Amino acid sequence: MDEANIRKYAKLMRELDLTGLEITEGNTVVRLERGAAPAAAPSPAILLPEQKAEETAGEVVRSPMVGVFYAAPAENAAPYVAVGDKVKQGDTLCIIEAMKLMNEITAEKDGIIAEVCAGNGQVVEYGTPLFRLEA
């Protein structure tokens, strides 16, 4: 197979966004491979509601896992904590459901709830701000 044919197939691969192509002509087998297209430039950061806690003073309580945030122990129950509540180390702040397990998230320090950063039923990622505590 000559260079012109190889270039033609390489161009076809780009047009069709293929990462591999194998051509057989008689006893000759040619395999062409290319890496994935380069990723687009990252877009500017957009401030999400859960990120606003990072801009203000206080201790941020972050999610230790991926799961669903629940502010209360049951659907019709009062939330564990609300803005203005005083909490002590070890007090339950919320529940995160992960893989059908309910994980209680507790306060690591004494403080006052200054902000609830996650919404009830919201899916949270590892490191998502959940609460902001003030001393």
C-alpha atoms as a PDB file:
ATOM      1  CA  MET A   1       0.000   0.000   0.000  1.00  0.00           C
ATOM      2  CA  ASP A   2       1.411   3.385  -0.954  1.00  0.00           C
ATOM      3  CA  GLU A   3       1.682   6.538   1.127  1.00  0.00           C
ATOM      4  CA  ALA A   4      -1.131   8.328  -0.750  1.00  0.00           C
ATOM      5  CA  ASN A   5      -3.622   5.602   0.214  1.00  0.00           C
ATOM      6  CA  ILE A   6      -2.482   5.670   3.833  1.00  0.00           C
ATOM      7  CA  ARG A   7      -2.978   9.469   3.934  1.00  0.00           C
ATOM      8  CA  LYS A   8      -6.441   9.032   2.357  1.00  0.00           C
ATOM      9  CA  TYR A   9      -7.417   6.532   5.077  1.00  0.00           C
ATOM     10  CA  ALA A  10      -5.970   8.761   7.808  1.00  0.00           C
ATOM     11  CA  LYS A  11      -8.071  11.662   6.514  1.00  0.00           C
ATOM     12  CA  LEU A  12     -11.151   9.406   6.498  1.00  0.00           C
ATOM     13  CA  MET A  13     -10.435   8.431  10.108  1.00  0.00           C
ATOM     14  CA  ARG A  14     -10.380  12.119  11.145  1.00  0.00           C
ATOM     15  CA  GLU A  15     -13.606  12.861   9.252  1.00  0.00           C
ATOM     16  CA  LEU A  16     -15.430   9.919  10.840  1.00  0.00           C
ATOM     17  CA  ASP A  17     -13.759  10.400  14.237  1.00  0.00           C
ATOM     18  CA  LEU A  18     -12.389   6.847  14.220  1.00  0.00           C
ATOM     19  CA  THR A  19      -9.577   5.782  16.540  1.00  0.00           C
ATOM     20  CA  GLY A  20      -8.630   2.659  14.601  1.00  0.00           C
ATOM     21  CA  LEU A  21      -8.876   1.257  11.071  1.00  0.00           C
ATOM     22  CA  GLU A  22      -7.566  -1.979   9.582  1.00  0.00           C
ATOM     23  CA  ILE A  23      -7.255  -2.372   5.807  1.00  0.00           C
ATOM     24  CA  THR A  24      -6.463  -5.660   4.061  1.00  0.00           C
ATOM     25  CA  GLU A  25      -5.287  -5.639   0.423  1.00  0.00           C
ATOM     26  CA  GLY A  26      -4.216  -9.050  -0.750  1.00  0.00           C
ATOM     27  CA  ASN A  27      -1.556 -10.319   1.619  1.00  0.00           C
ATOM     28  CA  THR A  28      -0.934  -6.839   3.094  1.00  0.00           C
ATOM     29  CA  VAL A  29      -2.641  -5.740   6.294  1.00  0.00           C
ATOM     30  CA  VAL A  30      -2.321  -2.136   7.452  1.00  0.00           C
ATOM     31  CA  ARG A  31      -3.625  -1.042  10.842  1.00  0.00           C
ATOM     32  CA  LEU A  32      -3.962   2.679  11.534  1.00  0.00           C
ATOM     33  CA  GLU A  33      -4.594   3.985  15.053  1.00  0.00           C
ATOM     34  CA  ARG A  34      -4.827   7.459  16.466  1.00  0.00           C
ATOM     35  CA  GLY A  35      -5.382   8.940  19.893  1.00  0.00           C
ATOM     36  CA  ALA A  36      -8.649  10.516  20.880  1.00  0.00           C
ATOM     37  CA  ALA A  37      -9.300  14.080  19.772  1.00  0.00           C
ATOM     38  CA  PRO A  38      -7.788  16.643  22.140  1.00  0.00           C
ATOM     39  CA  ALA A  39     -10.146  17.812  24.836  1.00  0.00           C
ATOM     40  CA  ALA A  40     -11.686  21.241  24.541  1.00  0.00           C
ATOM     41  CA  ALA A  41     -10.201  23.994  26.640  1.00  0.00           C
ATOM     42  CA  PRO A  42     -11.723  24.056  30.117  1.00  0.00           C
ATOM     43  CA  SER A  43     -14.569  26.486  30.465  1.00  0.00           C
ATOM     44  CA  PRO A  44     -14.394  29.206  33.090  1.00  0.00           C
ATOM     45  CA  ALA A  45     -15.496  28.102  36.525  1.00  0.00           C
ATOM     46  CA  ILE A  46     -19.135  28.674  37.333  1.00  0.00           C
ATOM     47  CA  LEU A  47     -19.997  29.306  40.958  1.00  0.00           C
ATOM     48  CA  LEU A  48     -22.463  26.656  42.047  1.00  0.00           C
ATOM     49  CA  PRO A  49     -24.745  27.187  45.055  1.00  0.00           C
ATOM     50  CA  GLU A  50     -22.899  24.569  47.095  1.00  0.00           C
ATOM     51  CA  GLN A  51     -19.629  26.434  46.553  1.00  0.00           C
ATOM     52  CA  LYS A  52     -20.782  29.674  48.195  1.00  0.00           C
ATOM     53  CA  ALA A  53     -19.850  28.369  51.651  1.00  0.00           C
ATOM     54  CA  GLU A  54     -16.189  28.406  50.673  1.00  0.00           C
ATOM     55  CA  GLU A  55     -16.190  32.167  50.161  1.00  0.00           C
ATOM     56  CA  THR A  56     -17.262  33.087  53.677  1.00  0.00           C
ATOM     57  CA  ALA A  57     -15.637  32.655  57.054  1.00  0.00           C
ATOM     58  CA  GLY A  58     -16.225  29.609  59.206  1.00  0.00           C
ATOM     59  CA  GLU A  59     -15.616  25.891  59.256  1.00  0.00           C
ATOM     60  CA  VAL A  60     -17.054  24.058  56.244  1.00  0.00           C
ATOM     61  CA  VAL A  61     -18.410  20.548  56.828  1.00  0.00           C
ATOM     62  CA  ARG A  62     -17.917  18.581  53.616  1.00  0.00           C
ATOM     63  CA  SER A  63     -19.437  15.349  52.403  1.00  0.00           C
ATOM     64  CA  PRO A  64     -17.137  12.406  53.096  1.00  0.00           C
ATOM     65  CA  MET A  65     -18.791  10.356  50.335  1.00  0.00           C
ATOM     66  CA  VAL A  66     -21.004  10.366  47.266  1.00  0.00           C
ATOM     67  CA  GLY A  67     -24.681   9.920  48.073  1.00  0.00           C
ATOM     68  CA  VAL A  68     -28.022  11.583  48.744  1.00  0.00           C
ATOM     69  CA  PHE A  69     -28.171  14.300  51.417  1.00  0.00           C
ATOM     70  CA  TYR A  70     -31.039  14.118  53.902  1.00  0.00           C
ATOM     71  CA  ALA A  71     -31.498  16.910  56.445  1.00  0.00           C
ATOM     72  CA  ALA A  72     -33.942  14.909  58.612  1.00  0.00           C
ATOM     73  CA  PRO A  73     -34.229  11.322  59.875  1.00  0.00           C
ATOM     74  CA  ALA A  74     -37.593  10.846  58.105  1.00  0.00           C
ATOM     75  CA  GLU A  75     -39.595  12.532  55.380  1.00  0.00           C
ATOM     76  CA  ASN A  76     -41.980  14.393  57.714  1.00  0.00           C
ATOM     77  CA  ALA A  77     -39.550  14.883  60.599  1.00  0.00           C
ATOM     78  CA  ALA A  78     -37.846  18.111  61.607  1.00  0.00           C
ATOM     79  CA  PRO A  79     -34.293  18.556  60.280  1.00  0.00           C
ATOM     80  CA  TYR A  80     -31.423  17.580  62.533  1.00  0.00           C
ATOM     81  CA  VAL A  81     -30.109  21.162  62.490  1.00  0.00           C
ATOM     82  CA  ALA A  82     -31.137  24.558  61.155  1.00  0.00           C
ATOM     83  CA  VAL A  83     -29.382  27.894  60.736  1.00  0.00           C
ATOM     84  CA  GLY A  84     -28.659  29.368  64.168  1.00  0.00           C
ATOM     85  CA  ASP A  85     -28.611  26.014  66.016  1.00  0.00           C
ATOM     86  CA  LYS A  86     -25.730  25.370  68.403  1.00  0.00           C
ATOM     87  CA  VAL A  87     -24.058  22.003  67.862  1.00  0.00           C
ATOM     88  CA  LYS A  88     -21.484  20.115  69.858  1.00  0.00           C
ATOM     89  CA  GLN A  89     -18.844  17.736  68.643  1.00  0.00           C
ATOM     90  CA  GLY A  90     -20.523  14.421  67.828  1.00  0.00           C
ATOM     91  CA  ASP A  91     -24.019  15.856  67.194  1.00  0.00           C
ATOM     92  CA  THR A  92     -25.711  14.454  64.085  1.00  0.00           C
ATOM     93  CA  LEU A  93     -25.963  17.075  61.327  1.00  0.00           C
ATOM     94  CA  CYS A  94     -27.514  15.045  58.510  1.00  0.00           C
ATOM     95  CA  ILE A  95     -27.658  11.665  56.804  1.00  0.00           C
ATOM     96  CA  ILE A  96     -26.055  10.699  53.531  1.00  0.00           C
ATOM     97  CA  GLU A  97     -27.523   7.645  51.850  1.00  0.00           C
ATOM     98  CA  ALA A  98     -24.910   5.703  49.923  1.00  0.00           C
ATOM     99  CA  MET A  99     -25.602   2.273  48.444  1.00  0.00           C
ATOM    100  CA  LYS A 100     -28.782   1.855  50.529  1.00  0.00           C
ATOM    101  CA  LEU A 101     -26.870   2.595  53.748  1.00  0.00           C
ATOM    102  CA  MET A 102     -27.785   5.605  55.890  1.00  0.00           C
ATOM    103  CA  ASN A 103     -24.592   7.288  57.117  1.00  0.00           C
ATOM    104  CA  GLU A 104     -24.886   9.858  59.890  1.00  0.00           C
ATOM    105  CA  ILE A 105     -22.635  12.871  59.429  1.00  0.00           C
ATOM    106  CA  THR A 106     -21.620  14.361  62.765  1.00  0.00           C
ATOM    107  CA  ALA A 107     -20.072  17.648  63.845  1.00  0.00           C
ATOM    108  CA  GLU A 108     -16.338  17.445  64.333  1.00  0.00           C
ATOM    109  CA  LYS A 109     -16.289  20.695  66.374  1.00  0.00           C
ATOM    110  CA  ASP A 110     -18.596  22.761  68.523  1.00  0.00           C
ATOM    111  CA  GLY A 111     -20.184  25.684  66.717  1.00  0.00           C
ATOM    112  CA  ILE A 112     -23.272  27.398  65.379  1.00  0.00           C
ATOM    113  CA  ILE A 113     -24.848  26.451  62.055  1.00  0.00           C
ATOM    114  CA  ALA A 114     -24.304  29.546  59.892  1.00  0.00           C
ATOM    115  CA  GLU A 115     -25.442  28.005  56.609  1.00  0.00           C
ATOM    116  CA  VAL A 116     -26.974  24.816  55.231  1.00  0.00           C
ATOM    117  CA  CYS A 117     -25.296  24.413  51.838  1.00  0.00           C
ATOM    118  CA  ALA A 118     -27.036  21.288  50.496  1.00  0.00           C
ATOM    119  CA  GLY A 119     -30.705  20.778  49.774  1.00  0.00           C
ATOM    120  CA  ASN A 120     -32.755  17.880  51.098  1.00  0.00           C
ATOM    121  CA  GLY A 121     -32.670  15.004  48.612  1.00  0.00           C
ATOM    122  CA  GLN A 122     -29.728  16.512  46.706  1.00  0.00           C
ATOM    123  CA  VAL A 123     -27.077  14.161  45.327  1.00  0.00           C
ATOM    124  CA  VAL A 124     -23.726  15.227  46.744  1.00  0.00           C
ATOM    125  CA  GLU A 125     -20.208  14.362  45.653  1.00  0.00           C
ATOM    126  CA  TYR A 126     -17.168  13.718  47.805  1.00  0.00           C
ATOM    127  CA  GLY A 127     -16.070  17.088  49.203  1.00  0.00           C
ATOM    128  CA  THR A 128     -19.350  18.928  48.548  1.00  0.00           C
ATOM    129  CA  PRO A 129     -19.944  21.578  51.241  1.00  0.00           C
ATOM    130  CA  LEU A 130     -22.885  20.547  53.450  1.00  0.00           C
ATOM    131  CA  PHE A 131     -22.799  23.098  56.293  1.00  0.00           C
ATOM    132  CA  ARG A 132     -20.855  26.122  57.413  1.00  0.00           C
ATOM    133  CA  LEU A 133     -20.188  26.394  61.142  1.00  0.00           C
ATOM    134  CA  GLU A 134     -19.124  29.472  63.045  1.00  0.00           C
ATOM    135  CA  ALA A 135     -17.336  29.316  66.368  1.00  0.00           C
END
